[in-house]
Structures are given as C-alpha cells and as structure tokens.
C-alpha cells in the first residue's frame, strides 16, 4: 500500500489527492497506460468518497477507456462497480442495482472471491441507505463470510459493523447492543485500535438510543482518544458528531450547547475536507437543532435544506430533514410550508416498520423536534404509531390504559433534570405496573427486579413530569405497593378518575 492509499484509508482525502494527481502526471509522461488506468480508478473512488460526483464521473469514464484499450477486464469490472455506486449516489438506484447484480453474477462466474465480497458489501450498503433492511442484512452476512474466507479482516470488520447498523436502524436495539458489545470485546482482544474505535462508536450510538447517556459518553470519549492518536480523520468526524449529539440532550445547559456548537463546527469542517456524506448530513441536522434552540429558525431552515441535499439517497436522514424544516417553518410562522413538510414527514414515517418508525420518532423527541407529534401521527390515519396504539388498546376489553415507550419519552423533553442513565429503569418499572391486571404491584416483588431503589425510581418518573402537576406512579401509604395514578395515551398524561377509569378505549383520543 503506497502513501496515497494510506491517506485514503485514513479518510484524509485532501492529502491523498495531490499524491495521486502527481503520480498520474508521471505515468502519462512515460505512457504506462495500465498504471494510468489504475490511478484514474483510485482518483475516481476518492472523488466519489469525498462527494465530488462530477469529478468522480470524469475520472471513472477516462479510467474505463484506458482499461478497454489495454483489454484489462478485471480493471473494467472495478470501474463499473464504482460507476454503480455513482449511479446510486446520483439517484438512479434501480440502474445501480441492475449493474451491480450483473457484476456479481460475472464475478461469481469467474471465481473472483474478493470481487464477490466487495460487490456484496456495496449492495448491502446501498440497501441500507434505501431502507431495504432485509436485503441489507442478507447481503452483509454474505459479504462478511466472503471477506473472512479471503482473509481480509479489515473488510470483515466493516461487514460486521454494517450488520450492527442494520439492527440499529431497524430499531432492534437489544440485537445491536449484543453485536456491538461482542465487536468491542473482539477488537480489544486483537489490540486493534481502529477496529476498537469503530466498535466503540457503534456501541455508543446504540446506548444513546437506549437513553444510557453516561455510558454512551464514556464510550465516545474513549473512541475519540483512540482516533486522535491514530490520526483517523474520518473517524474523528463521527466522534465529534456523536459527542455533540450527547451534549444537546433535552435540558442541556448553555455551556453544553456552546461545546456542542464547537464540535459541530469542527466536525463540519473536517467532513467538508474529507467528503464524508453521511456524517456531513448528521452534522447539518445537529447544527439545525442548535440554531432552533437559540431562536434562529431561518438558519435552521438553511441547514434543513443542506441536510436534504447532503442526504440524497440516505433514507432516514432525508426524513429527518423534513422534520427539521417543519419545526423551522413553525418558528417562522410560515404555516403553509409547515403543513407541507408535516404531510411529507407523516407519509414517509407511515411507510416504515413499527420498530424503525419508533426509533426515528425517538430521535426527533430526543432532539426536541416534536412540537405536536400526536396530532401529526393521528392525521396520518395509517401511521405506525397509531397502528401500534390501536393494537395495544384493543388487546382486551378490560384494558383502559396503554403504555408505549415512544409516547413516554415525549414526556422527558424539556422537563426537570433527571438521571439519564436511570431512564430504562423508569420505563421498565412503568411497563411492569401498567401491564398488571390491577395496575398495582407489591414493592417486594418489584425490588427483586429493580433492587431496593424502587421508591427512588418512582420519584424520578414523577419529577420528570412535574410540570404537569400529575404524578404517574405512587407508593401506597403503607409502603407495600406501587400503583398507577395517571393515564398515558399518545404522549399526554390524563388524570384517571371515577367513570373514566372504567371506560374502555378502542381508538386514540380525538385531537
């Protein structure tokens, strides 16, 4: 591996580009056409990775012409793989898939195991970006086995990381947590700092979505230190983005938001240099959220547009751009545009599976982008959240209360400070009590599961929604039971009293 390839592997594209261009000039002078073609292919891939799609197309076209002249079929296949990725990035997903499937058949016919693995990886990545999670899972598994078979450990790591991300995007957080934890342990055992940093970042993202913020922060800072020591610029962008995300949680102090702003600015600067499209899109989302939080909705709207453009073909990020734009328009008082963005958001969310929609809904709640979620979800008619609520509400004729974790998390937004690491316990305790037949459980039984801090967890839950003036759970006067004293539906606490307690609900409440 030459120096230019080392820089590309590290994500330092601005350092790799001049080296490749200088090498190309020399090769043209000595008329080494096969090497000219290989260098042009590397330049095309570099420009593709850095987001310069026009320059990538030009370099790849020239590389293909060179490989045709020297009759190098393997080189031609390599260019076509890169061109398929280019087609996908420019929005021609069907064309990219057809081209890639054809190349996969050809690579298998020729018995080129490494090419097969590479194509499977790209197909899996494209399927994940498009939101086709089952195809992504299948292709990533095939690719991981293929890379293992040819002894390419680094690529096998990427495949396992892709499988973790598939589970994460699908909302299968327990699966993603288990896989990421295994990957961290294996990377530590191999003494592999780059692989460990990647695994730590994946695990931190999962823990953040599980509301285990303290753990996510610890994992992210460890990954950041590893990347700073190794000079992994591309990885640094991911670490800056995740740290900023952690710092702008609901209830964040002004000082934390200032730190987050610095991290986002530094991350955007690096992402612009390195051309990491996914991270750049994430950072524009965070920048938009920060702009909204300090009363600059026009700036937030600009970042929503940047997010939309940057996330072209990146399914879930594109959906979040709609939500950011909707909130910015609401702050500007532009109700017509707000309504259009809201309708587009609802349509996109209604097309997603329940776990995946819930995860996205959690993200918007965590970032404070949910000014009127219950109305929007109900307006969808066929939206995922309404479907979930109806399924739970109609479970039996005697069920007059349903608890949905997504709905509960809405209550945490902009409420009193709470120990974030304890949130999963709060949710689990509420689930346990609310799902019992009598809506009350003995403290002794709960202590077997939650330890001797049951009363503390109840206090935390009630403190979180203190501004509503209504507790959700209470410990009975004799200290022997924990019982439910409020009704949760679609993110709204409603007092339970008399006749309402006996009423059976079979559909979400009206606006």
Protein backbone atom coordinates (compact mmCIF):
# COMPACT_ATOMS: atom_id res chain seq x y z
CA UNK A 1 0.00 0.00 0.00
CA UNK A 2 1.51 3.35 -1.05
CA UNK A 3 1.24 6.62 0.86
CA UNK A 4 -1.79 7.86 -1.12
CA UNK A 5 -3.69 4.67 -0.28
CA UNK A 6 -2.75 5.03 3.39
CA UNK A 7 -4.20 8.55 3.41
CA UNK A 8 -7.37 7.31 1.67
CA UNK A 9 -7.76 4.53 4.24
CA UNK A 10 -7.46 7.16 6.99
CA UNK A 11 -10.07 9.34 5.32
CA UNK A 12 -7.55 12.12 4.64
CA UNK A 13 -8.63 12.67 1.06
CA UNK A 14 -7.08 16.12 0.71
CA UNK A 15 -3.68 14.58 1.47
CA UNK A 16 -4.22 11.66 -0.91
CA UNK A 17 -5.49 13.70 -3.88
CA UNK A 18 -2.26 15.64 -4.72
CA UNK A 19 -0.18 12.47 -4.41
CA UNK A 20 -2.41 10.58 -6.84
CA UNK A 21 -2.52 13.51 -9.28
CA UNK A 22 1.29 13.85 -9.22
CA UNK A 23 1.64 10.12 -9.81
CA UNK A 24 -0.83 10.33 -12.71
CA UNK A 25 1.21 13.09 -14.41
CA UNK A 26 4.37 10.97 -14.30
CA UNK A 27 2.57 7.87 -15.60
CA UNK A 28 1.11 9.83 -18.52
CA UNK A 29 4.58 11.05 -19.48
CA UNK A 30 6.03 7.53 -19.53
CA UNK A 31 2.87 6.20 -21.26
CA UNK A 32 2.26 3.46 -18.69
CA UNK A 33 -1.38 3.15 -19.71
CA UNK A 34 -2.34 0.27 -17.44
CA UNK A 35 -1.00 2.16 -14.42
CA UNK A 36 -2.68 5.34 -15.67
CA UNK A 37 -5.99 3.47 -15.69
CA UNK A 38 -5.45 2.12 -12.15
CA UNK A 39 -4.55 5.58 -10.84
CA UNK A 40 -7.58 7.14 -12.52
CA UNK A 41 -9.75 4.50 -10.87
CA UNK A 42 -8.29 5.40 -7.46
CA UNK A 43 -8.92 9.09 -8.14
CA UNK A 44 -12.49 8.30 -9.18
CA UNK A 45 -13.09 6.36 -5.97
CA UNK A 46 -11.50 9.16 -3.93
CA UNK A 47 -13.76 11.79 -5.53
CA UNK A 48 -16.75 9.51 -5.05
CA UNK A 49 -15.99 9.10 -1.34
CA UNK A 50 -15.38 12.83 -0.90
CA UNK A 51 -18.67 13.73 -2.55
CA UNK A 52 -17.27 15.34 -5.74
CA UNK A 53 -19.55 13.37 -8.04
CA UNK A 54 -18.84 15.24 -11.31
CA UNK A 55 -15.09 14.81 -10.92
CA UNK A 56 -15.65 11.18 -9.96
CA UNK A 57 -17.69 10.57 -13.14
CA UNK A 58 -14.99 12.16 -15.31
CA UNK A 59 -12.16 10.14 -13.75
CA UNK A 60 -14.10 6.88 -13.95
CA UNK A 61 -15.05 7.40 -17.61
CA UNK A 62 -11.41 8.01 -18.50
CA UNK A 63 -10.29 5.01 -16.45
CA UNK A 64 -12.78 2.76 -18.26
CA UNK A 65 -11.49 3.93 -21.66
CA UNK A 66 -7.92 3.14 -20.58
CA UNK A 67 -8.81 -0.33 -19.30
CA UNK A 68 -10.68 -1.06 -22.56
CA UNK A 69 -7.59 -0.07 -24.59
CA UNK A 70 -5.31 -2.38 -22.59
CA UNK A 71 -8.01 -5.11 -22.54
CA UNK A 72 -7.99 -5.41 -18.74
CA UNK A 73 -11.35 -6.99 -17.90
CA UNK A 74 -10.73 -7.02 -14.15
CA UNK A 75 -9.99 -3.30 -14.24
CA UNK A 76 -13.14 -2.67 -16.29
CA UNK A 77 -15.20 -4.53 -13.68
CA UNK A 78 -13.64 -2.40 -10.92
CA UNK A 79 -14.63 0.80 -12.74
CA UNK A 80 -18.17 -0.48 -13.27
CA UNK A 81 -18.52 -1.23 -9.54
CA UNK A 82 -17.53 2.37 -8.78
CA UNK A 83 -19.88 3.64 -11.50
CA UNK A 84 -22.74 1.68 -9.96
CA UNK A 85 -22.07 3.44 -6.65
CA UNK A 86 -22.03 6.75 -8.54
CA UNK A 87 -25.40 5.94 -10.12
CA UNK A 88 -26.81 5.22 -6.68
CA UNK A 89 -25.45 8.48 -5.24
CA UNK A 90 -26.98 10.48 -8.08
CA UNK A 91 -30.41 8.96 -7.51
CA UNK A 92 -30.50 6.22 -10.17
CA UNK A 93 -30.95 3.43 -7.63
CA UNK A 94 -32.60 0.97 -9.99
CA UNK A 95 -29.81 1.38 -12.55
CA UNK A 96 -27.18 0.95 -9.85
CA UNK A 97 -28.79 -2.23 -8.58
CA UNK A 98 -29.12 -3.79 -12.05
CA UNK A 99 -25.48 -3.00 -12.88
CA UNK A 100 -24.23 -4.34 -9.54
CA UNK A 101 -26.28 -7.55 -9.75
CA UNK A 102 -24.85 -8.18 -13.23
CA UNK A 103 -21.30 -7.62 -11.96
CA UNK A 104 -21.97 -10.01 -9.07
CA UNK A 105 -23.03 -12.77 -11.48
CA UNK A 106 -19.90 -12.17 -13.58
CA UNK A 107 -17.58 -12.17 -10.54
CA UNK A 108 -19.06 -15.45 -9.30
CA UNK A 109 -18.69 -16.99 -12.75
CA UNK A 110 -15.01 -16.03 -12.82
CA UNK A 111 -14.47 -17.27 -9.25
CA UNK A 112 -13.13 -13.93 -8.03
CA UNK A 113 -13.85 -14.23 -4.30
CA UNK A 114 -12.57 -10.75 -3.38
CA UNK A 115 -14.65 -9.07 -6.09
CA UNK A 116 -17.72 -11.02 -4.98
CA UNK A 117 -17.20 -9.86 -1.40
CA UNK A 118 -16.68 -6.23 -2.46
CA UNK A 119 -19.83 -6.19 -4.61
CA UNK A 120 -21.89 -7.81 -1.84
CA UNK A 121 -20.65 -5.11 0.55
CA UNK A 122 -21.72 -2.34 -1.80
CA UNK A 123 -25.10 -3.95 -2.42
CA UNK A 124 -25.63 -4.22 1.34
CA UNK A 125 -24.63 -0.59 1.91
CA UNK A 126 -26.95 0.61 -0.84
CA UNK A 127 -29.85 -1.45 0.51
CA UNK A 128 -29.32 0.03 3.98
CA UNK A 129 -29.28 3.58 2.62
CA UNK A 130 -32.52 2.87 0.75
CA UNK A 131 -34.13 1.40 3.85
CA UNK A 132 -34.35 -2.17 2.49
CA UNK A 133 -33.17 -3.70 5.76
CA UNK A 134 -33.78 -7.37 4.97
CA UNK A 135 -31.72 -7.20 1.77
CA UNK A 136 -29.02 -5.26 3.63
CA UNK A 137 -28.92 -7.89 6.37
CA UNK A 138 -28.69 -10.78 3.89
CA UNK A 139 -26.03 -9.17 1.69
CA UNK A 140 -23.94 -8.01 4.66
CA UNK A 141 -23.93 -11.52 6.12
CA UNK A 142 -22.84 -12.99 2.78
CA UNK A 143 -20.14 -10.33 2.39
CA UNK A 144 -18.77 -10.87 5.92
CA UNK A 145 -18.39 -14.59 5.23
CA UNK A 146 -16.78 -13.86 1.85
CA UNK A 147 -14.23 -11.42 3.33
CA UNK A 148 -13.44 -13.87 6.14
CA UNK A 149 -12.84 -16.57 3.52
CA UNK A 150 -10.27 -14.46 1.66
CA UNK A 151 -8.59 -13.29 4.87
CA UNK A 152 -9.49 -9.60 4.60
CA UNK A 153 -10.01 -8.88 8.30
CA UNK A 154 -10.45 -5.12 7.90
CA UNK A 155 -13.27 -5.60 5.38
CA UNK A 156 -14.85 -8.33 7.52
CA UNK A 157 -14.95 -5.80 10.40
CA UNK A 158 -16.80 -3.37 8.16
CA UNK A 159 -19.33 -6.03 7.30
CA UNK A 160 -19.99 -6.82 10.94
CA UNK A 161 -20.33 -3.08 11.58
CA UNK A 162 -22.87 -2.94 8.76
CA UNK A 163 -24.88 -5.76 10.36
CA UNK A 164 -24.89 -3.83 13.64
CA UNK A 165 -26.09 -0.72 11.85
CA UNK A 166 -28.87 -2.68 10.12
CA UNK A 167 -30.16 -3.88 13.50
CA UNK A 168 -29.80 -0.34 14.88
CA UNK A 169 -31.74 1.31 12.04
CA UNK A 170 -34.40 -1.40 12.27
CA UNK A 171 -34.95 -0.45 15.92
CA UNK A 172 -33.66 -3.83 17.16
CA UNK A 173 -31.60 -2.20 19.90
CA UNK A 174 -31.08 -5.34 22.01
CA UNK A 175 -29.64 -7.19 18.99
CA UNK A 176 -27.49 -4.20 18.01
CA UNK A 177 -26.22 -3.87 21.60
CA UNK A 178 -25.24 -7.54 21.78
CA UNK A 179 -23.44 -7.49 18.40
CA UNK A 180 -21.64 -4.21 19.14
CA UNK A 181 -20.54 -5.42 22.60
CA UNK A 182 -19.10 -8.58 21.02
CA UNK A 183 -17.28 -6.48 18.42
CA UNK A 184 -15.76 -4.26 21.15
CA UNK A 185 -14.55 -7.33 23.06
CA UNK A 186 -13.02 -8.89 19.93
CA UNK A 187 -11.28 -5.64 18.93
CA UNK A 188 -9.78 -5.32 22.43
CA UNK A 189 -8.55 -8.92 22.24
CA UNK A 190 -6.92 -8.22 18.84
CA UNK A 191 -5.32 -4.98 20.15
CA UNK A 192 -6.80 -3.25 17.09
CA UNK A 193 -7.19 0.50 17.87
CA UNK A 194 -9.02 1.40 14.64
CA UNK A 195 -11.41 -1.52 14.86
CA UNK A 196 -11.95 -0.80 18.55
CA UNK A 197 -12.74 2.88 17.88
CA UNK A 198 -15.30 1.90 15.23
CA UNK A 199 -16.92 -0.69 17.53
CA UNK A 200 -16.99 1.72 20.49
CA UNK A 201 -18.73 4.36 18.35
CA UNK A 202 -21.36 1.87 17.19
CA UNK A 203 -22.00 0.72 20.75
CA UNK A 204 -22.20 4.35 21.94
CA UNK A 205 -24.87 5.11 19.32
CA UNK A 206 -26.91 2.13 20.48
CA UNK A 207 -26.55 3.12 24.14
CA UNK A 208 -27.63 6.67 23.32
CA UNK A 209 -30.83 5.38 21.72
CA UNK A 210 -31.36 3.28 24.85
CA UNK A 211 -31.10 6.51 26.90
CA UNK A 212 -27.92 5.23 28.59
CA UNK A 213 -26.25 8.58 28.07
CA UNK A 214 -23.45 8.29 30.65
CA UNK A 215 -22.27 5.02 29.09
CA UNK A 216 -22.53 6.47 25.58
CA UNK A 217 -20.42 9.45 26.65
CA UNK A 218 -17.72 7.20 28.15
CA UNK A 219 -17.56 5.00 25.04
CA UNK A 220 -17.44 8.01 22.71
CA UNK A 221 -14.60 9.74 24.57
CA UNK A 222 -12.57 6.50 24.52
CA UNK A 223 -13.12 6.20 20.74
CA UNK A 224 -12.16 9.87 20.29
CA UNK A 225 -8.84 9.39 22.11
CA UNK A 226 -8.03 6.33 20.00
CA UNK A 227 -8.73 8.23 16.78
CA UNK A 228 -6.72 11.26 17.85
CA UNK A 229 -3.72 9.01 18.50
CA UNK A 230 -4.08 7.14 15.19
CA UNK A 231 -4.83 10.23 13.06
CA UNK A 232 -8.08 8.69 11.78
CA UNK A 233 -9.64 11.88 10.39
CA UNK A 234 -12.73 10.19 9.00
CA UNK A 235 -13.40 8.54 12.33
CA UNK A 236 -12.88 11.83 14.16
CA UNK A 237 -15.86 13.30 12.30
CA UNK A 238 -18.09 10.52 13.70
CA UNK A 239 -16.75 11.08 17.22
CA UNK A 240 -17.30 14.85 17.07
CA UNK A 241 -20.83 14.32 15.77
CA UNK A 242 -21.74 11.81 18.47
CA UNK A 243 -20.27 13.94 21.28
CA UNK A 244 -22.26 16.93 20.04
CA UNK A 245 -25.41 14.79 19.95
CA UNK A 246 -24.79 13.77 23.57
CA UNK A 247 -24.30 17.38 24.65
CA UNK A 248 -27.57 18.71 23.20
CA UNK A 249 -29.89 16.33 25.02
CA UNK A 250 -33.07 17.92 26.42
CA UNK A 251 -32.26 20.04 29.47
CA UNK A 252 -28.69 20.72 28.31
CA UNK A 253 -27.03 23.78 29.82
CA UNK A 254 -25.92 26.77 27.80
CA UNK A 255 -22.29 25.72 28.35
CA UNK A 256 -23.02 22.26 26.92
CA UNK A 257 -24.66 23.79 23.86
CA UNK A 258 -21.63 26.03 23.31
CA UNK A 259 -19.38 22.95 23.45
CA UNK A 260 -21.72 21.13 21.07
CA UNK A 261 -21.57 24.06 18.64
CA UNK A 262 -17.76 23.92 18.61
CA UNK A 263 -17.81 20.18 17.99
CA UNK A 264 -20.35 20.50 15.17
CA UNK A 265 -18.34 23.31 13.53
CA UNK A 266 -15.13 21.30 13.76
CA UNK A 267 -16.89 18.19 12.51
CA UNK A 268 -18.41 20.03 9.54
CA UNK A 269 -15.01 21.47 8.66
CA UNK A 270 -13.44 18.01 8.69
CA UNK A 271 -16.39 16.41 6.90
CA UNK A 272 -16.17 19.06 4.18
CA UNK A 273 -12.49 18.27 3.72
CA UNK A 274 -12.97 14.51 3.81
CA UNK A 275 -16.28 14.47 1.95
CA UNK A 276 -17.99 12.03 4.29
CA UNK A 277 -21.58 12.48 3.11
CA UNK A 278 -23.36 10.58 5.88
CA UNK A 279 -21.53 12.37 8.70
CA UNK A 280 -21.94 15.72 6.97
CA UNK A 281 -25.69 15.14 6.83
CA UNK A 282 -25.82 14.20 10.52
CA UNK A 283 -23.88 17.33 11.43
CA UNK A 284 -26.23 19.58 9.44
CA UNK A 285 -29.10 18.05 11.42
CA UNK A 286 -27.39 18.87 14.73
CA UNK A 287 -26.49 22.36 13.52
CA UNK A 288 -30.12 22.94 12.61
CA UNK A 289 -31.26 21.77 16.05
CA UNK A 290 -28.76 24.11 17.72
CA UNK A 291 -29.94 27.02 15.55
CA UNK A 292 -33.56 26.37 16.56
CA UNK A 293 -32.60 26.21 20.23
CA UNK A 294 -31.15 29.75 20.14
CA UNK A 295 -34.01 31.26 18.14
CA UNK A 296 -32.53 31.28 14.64
CA UNK A 297 -35.18 29.42 12.60
CA UNK A 298 -34.09 30.83 9.22
CA UNK A 299 -30.62 29.43 9.80
CA UNK A 300 -32.18 26.12 10.86
CA UNK A 301 -34.18 26.06 7.62
CA UNK A 302 -30.96 26.53 5.63
CA UNK A 303 -29.42 23.57 7.45
CA UNK A 304 -32.54 21.52 6.74
CA UNK A 305 -32.03 22.21 3.03
CA UNK A 306 -28.32 21.32 3.31
CA UNK A 307 -29.34 18.14 5.10
CA UNK A 308 -31.82 17.29 2.33
CA UNK A 309 -29.19 17.81 -0.38
CA UNK A 310 -26.43 16.02 1.51
CA UNK A 311 -28.65 13.09 2.48
CA UNK A 312 -29.81 12.41 -1.09
CA UNK A 313 -30.36 8.65 -1.15
CA UNK A 314 -29.79 8.36 2.63
CA UNK A 315 -33.30 7.33 3.59
CA UNK A 316 -33.74 8.11 7.30
CA UNK A 317 -31.63 11.26 7.28
CA UNK A 318 -33.72 12.61 4.43
CA UNK A 319 -36.84 12.05 6.53
CA UNK A 320 -35.30 13.95 9.45
CA UNK A 321 -34.63 16.90 7.13
CA UNK A 322 -38.41 17.17 6.69
CA UNK A 323 -38.94 17.28 10.44
CA UNK A 324 -36.25 19.93 10.94
CA UNK A 325 -37.73 22.06 8.15
CA UNK A 326 -41.22 21.67 9.61
CA UNK A 327 -40.10 22.94 13.03
CA UNK A 328 -38.16 25.83 11.47
CA UNK A 329 -41.23 26.91 9.48
CA UNK A 330 -43.36 26.66 12.62
CA UNK A 331 -40.97 29.03 14.40
CA UNK A 332 -41.08 31.40 11.43
CA UNK A 333 -44.88 31.34 11.42
CA UNK A 334 -44.97 30.00 7.84
CA UNK A 335 -47.94 27.69 8.35
CA UNK A 336 -48.36 26.70 4.69
CA UNK A 337 -44.82 25.39 4.36
CA UNK A 338 -45.01 23.84 7.80
CA UNK A 339 -48.09 21.90 6.70
CA UNK A 340 -46.41 20.67 3.52
CA UNK A 341 -43.35 19.46 5.42
CA UNK A 342 -45.59 17.86 8.06
CA UNK A 343 -47.58 15.95 5.44
CA UNK A 344 -44.38 14.73 3.77
CA UNK A 345 -42.98 13.66 7.16
CA UNK A 346 -46.13 11.74 8.09
CA UNK A 347 -46.24 10.00 4.70
CA UNK A 348 -42.60 8.90 5.00
CA UNK A 349 -43.00 7.68 8.58
CA UNK A 350 -46.17 5.75 7.79
CA UNK A 351 -44.22 3.66 5.27
CA UNK A 352 -41.77 2.39 7.90
CA UNK A 353 -41.99 -0.67 10.11
CA UNK A 354 -43.09 -0.08 13.71
CA UNK A 355 -39.62 -0.53 15.32
CA UNK A 356 -37.96 1.64 12.71
CA UNK A 357 -40.59 4.37 12.95
CA UNK A 358 -40.34 4.28 16.72
CA UNK A 359 -36.58 4.74 16.56
CA UNK A 360 -36.92 7.76 14.27
CA UNK A 361 -39.67 9.14 16.48
CA UNK A 362 -37.33 8.71 19.48
CA UNK A 363 -34.63 10.67 17.64
CA UNK A 364 -36.98 13.58 16.98
CA UNK A 365 -38.13 13.57 20.61
CA UNK A 366 -34.55 13.45 21.87
CA UNK A 367 -33.55 16.39 19.70
CA UNK A 368 -36.65 18.40 20.60
CA UNK A 369 -38.19 18.22 17.11
CA UNK A 370 -41.68 17.14 18.17
CA UNK A 371 -43.84 20.17 18.86
CA UNK A 372 -47.11 18.37 18.02
CA UNK A 373 -46.35 14.71 17.33
CA UNK A 374 -49.63 13.20 18.48
CA UNK A 375 -51.67 15.35 16.07
CA UNK A 376 -49.37 14.52 13.18
CA UNK A 377 -49.43 10.81 13.83
CA UNK A 378 -53.19 10.68 14.09
CA UNK A 379 -53.52 12.75 10.92
CA UNK A 380 -51.67 10.02 9.05
CA UNK A 381 -54.56 7.60 9.50
CA UNK A 382 -52.34 4.64 8.69
CA UNK A 383 -49.21 5.77 10.53
CA UNK A 384 -47.09 3.37 12.52
CA UNK A 385 -47.68 4.92 15.92
CA UNK A 386 -51.47 4.98 15.57
CA UNK A 387 -51.39 1.36 14.44
CA UNK A 388 -49.31 0.40 17.47
CA UNK A 389 -51.59 2.29 19.86
CA UNK A 390 -54.74 0.74 18.39
CA UNK A 391 -53.26 -2.75 18.54
CA UNK A 392 -52.44 -2.29 22.22
CA UNK A 393 -55.71 -0.57 23.12
CA UNK A 394 -57.85 -3.32 21.60
CA UNK A 395 -55.80 -6.07 23.25
CA UNK A 396 -58.66 -6.87 25.70
CA UNK A 397 -61.98 -5.27 26.59
CA UNK A 398 -60.73 -4.51 30.10
CA UNK A 399 -57.61 -2.64 29.07
CA UNK A 400 -58.21 1.07 29.58
CA UNK A 401 -54.58 2.17 29.51
CA UNK A 402 -51.66 1.58 27.20
CA UNK A 403 -48.04 2.50 27.73
CA UNK A 404 -45.84 2.99 24.72
CA UNK A 405 -42.16 3.76 25.32
CA UNK A 406 -42.14 6.19 22.44
CA UNK A 407 -45.01 8.12 23.98
CA UNK A 408 -43.41 8.14 27.41
CA UNK A 409 -40.16 9.54 26.08
CA UNK A 410 -42.04 12.57 24.82
CA UNK A 411 -42.62 13.42 28.47
CA UNK A 412 -38.89 13.65 29.12
CA UNK A 413 -38.42 16.50 26.66
CA UNK A 414 -37.73 19.86 28.29
CA UNK A 415 -38.74 18.59 31.73
CA UNK A 416 -36.93 18.74 35.06
CA UNK A 417 -33.38 17.29 35.08
CA UNK A 418 -33.27 13.55 35.59
CA UNK A 419 -30.54 10.93 35.88
CA UNK A 420 -30.45 9.91 32.21
CA UNK A 421 -28.75 6.59 32.95
CA UNK A 422 -31.79 5.55 35.02
CA UNK A 423 -34.34 6.14 32.24
CA UNK A 424 -34.51 2.49 31.14
CA UNK A 425 -35.36 1.54 34.75
CA UNK A 426 -38.07 4.19 34.86
CA UNK A 427 -39.60 2.87 31.66
CA UNK A 428 -39.35 -0.77 32.73
CA UNK A 429 -40.96 -0.06 36.10
CA UNK A 430 -43.83 1.81 34.48
CA UNK A 431 -44.30 -1.00 31.95
CA UNK A 432 -44.43 -3.60 34.73
CA UNK A 433 -47.04 -1.75 36.82
CA UNK A 434 -49.20 -0.60 33.90
CA UNK A 435 -49.37 -4.06 32.33
CA UNK A 436 -50.51 -5.75 35.55
CA UNK A 437 -54.19 -6.62 35.82
CA UNK A 438 -54.84 -4.37 38.85
CA UNK A 439 -52.46 -1.55 37.85
CA UNK A 440 -50.56 -2.11 41.11
CA UNK A 441 -47.75 -4.44 42.18
CA UNK A 442 -46.20 -5.28 45.57
CA UNK A 443 -42.99 -3.39 46.29
CA UNK A 444 -41.37 -6.64 47.45
CA UNK A 445 -41.89 -8.21 44.02
CA UNK A 446 -40.58 -5.12 42.22
CA UNK A 447 -37.49 -5.00 44.43
CA UNK A 448 -36.49 -8.45 43.19
CA UNK A 449 -36.17 -6.93 39.71
CA UNK A 450 -35.17 -3.34 40.38
CA UNK A 451 -33.29 -3.62 43.68
CA UNK A 452 -34.03 -1.54 46.74
CA UNK A 453 -34.40 1.74 44.89
CA UNK A 454 -37.99 1.30 43.68
CA UNK A 455 -39.21 4.37 45.56
CA UNK A 456 -36.34 6.40 44.06
CA UNK A 457 -37.27 5.30 40.53
CA UNK A 458 -40.89 6.29 41.17
CA UNK A 459 -39.71 9.70 42.39
CA UNK A 460 -37.61 10.11 39.23
CA UNK A 461 -40.56 9.38 36.98
CA UNK A 462 -42.82 11.82 38.80
CA UNK A 463 -40.10 14.51 38.87
CA UNK A 464 -39.74 14.19 35.10
CA UNK A 465 -43.36 15.18 34.52
CA UNK A 466 -43.56 17.55 37.50
CA UNK A 467 -44.62 20.50 35.35
CA UNK A 468 -47.87 18.68 34.53
CA UNK A 469 -48.73 18.64 38.23
CA UNK A 470 -49.83 14.99 37.99
CA UNK A 471 -47.81 12.05 39.34
CA UNK A 472 -47.81 8.88 37.25
CA UNK A 473 -46.93 6.25 39.86
CA UNK A 474 -47.16 6.36 43.63
CA UNK A 475 -46.09 4.21 46.55
CA UNK A 476 -49.07 3.31 48.76
CA UNK A 477 -49.35 4.81 52.23
CA UNK A 478 -48.14 1.64 53.95
CA UNK A 479 -45.21 1.40 51.51
CA UNK A 480 -46.31 -2.03 50.35
CA UNK A 481 -47.44 -1.36 46.76
CA UNK A 482 -46.59 0.72 43.71
CA UNK A 483 -49.73 1.75 41.85
CA UNK A 484 -50.68 3.70 38.76
CA UNK A 485 -52.38 7.06 39.25
CA UNK A 486 -52.37 8.56 35.73
CA UNK A 487 -53.33 7.56 32.22
CA UNK A 488 -50.83 7.73 29.37
CA UNK A 489 -52.08 7.95 25.80
CA UNK A 490 -50.19 9.34 22.79
CA UNK A 491 -47.68 11.21 24.92
CA UNK A 492 -50.29 13.04 27.05
CA UNK A 493 -50.98 12.44 30.74
CA UNK A 494 -54.69 12.40 31.55
CA UNK A 495 -55.98 12.11 35.16
CA UNK A 496 -57.78 8.87 35.98
CA UNK A 497 -60.95 9.35 37.97
CA UNK A 498 -64.31 7.69 38.55
CA UNK A 499 -66.13 6.79 35.36
CA UNK A 500 -63.07 7.42 33.13
CA UNK A 501 -61.23 4.59 34.89
CA UNK A 502 -63.94 2.12 33.86
CA UNK A 503 -64.30 3.37 30.28
CA UNK A 504 -62.92 1.14 27.54
CA UNK A 505 -60.99 2.92 24.78
CA UNK A 506 -60.62 1.27 21.38
CA UNK A 507 -59.05 4.12 19.42
CA UNK A 508 -56.67 7.02 20.07
CA UNK A 509 -58.29 10.07 21.69
CA UNK A 510 -59.53 12.85 19.42
CA UNK A 511 -57.46 16.00 18.97
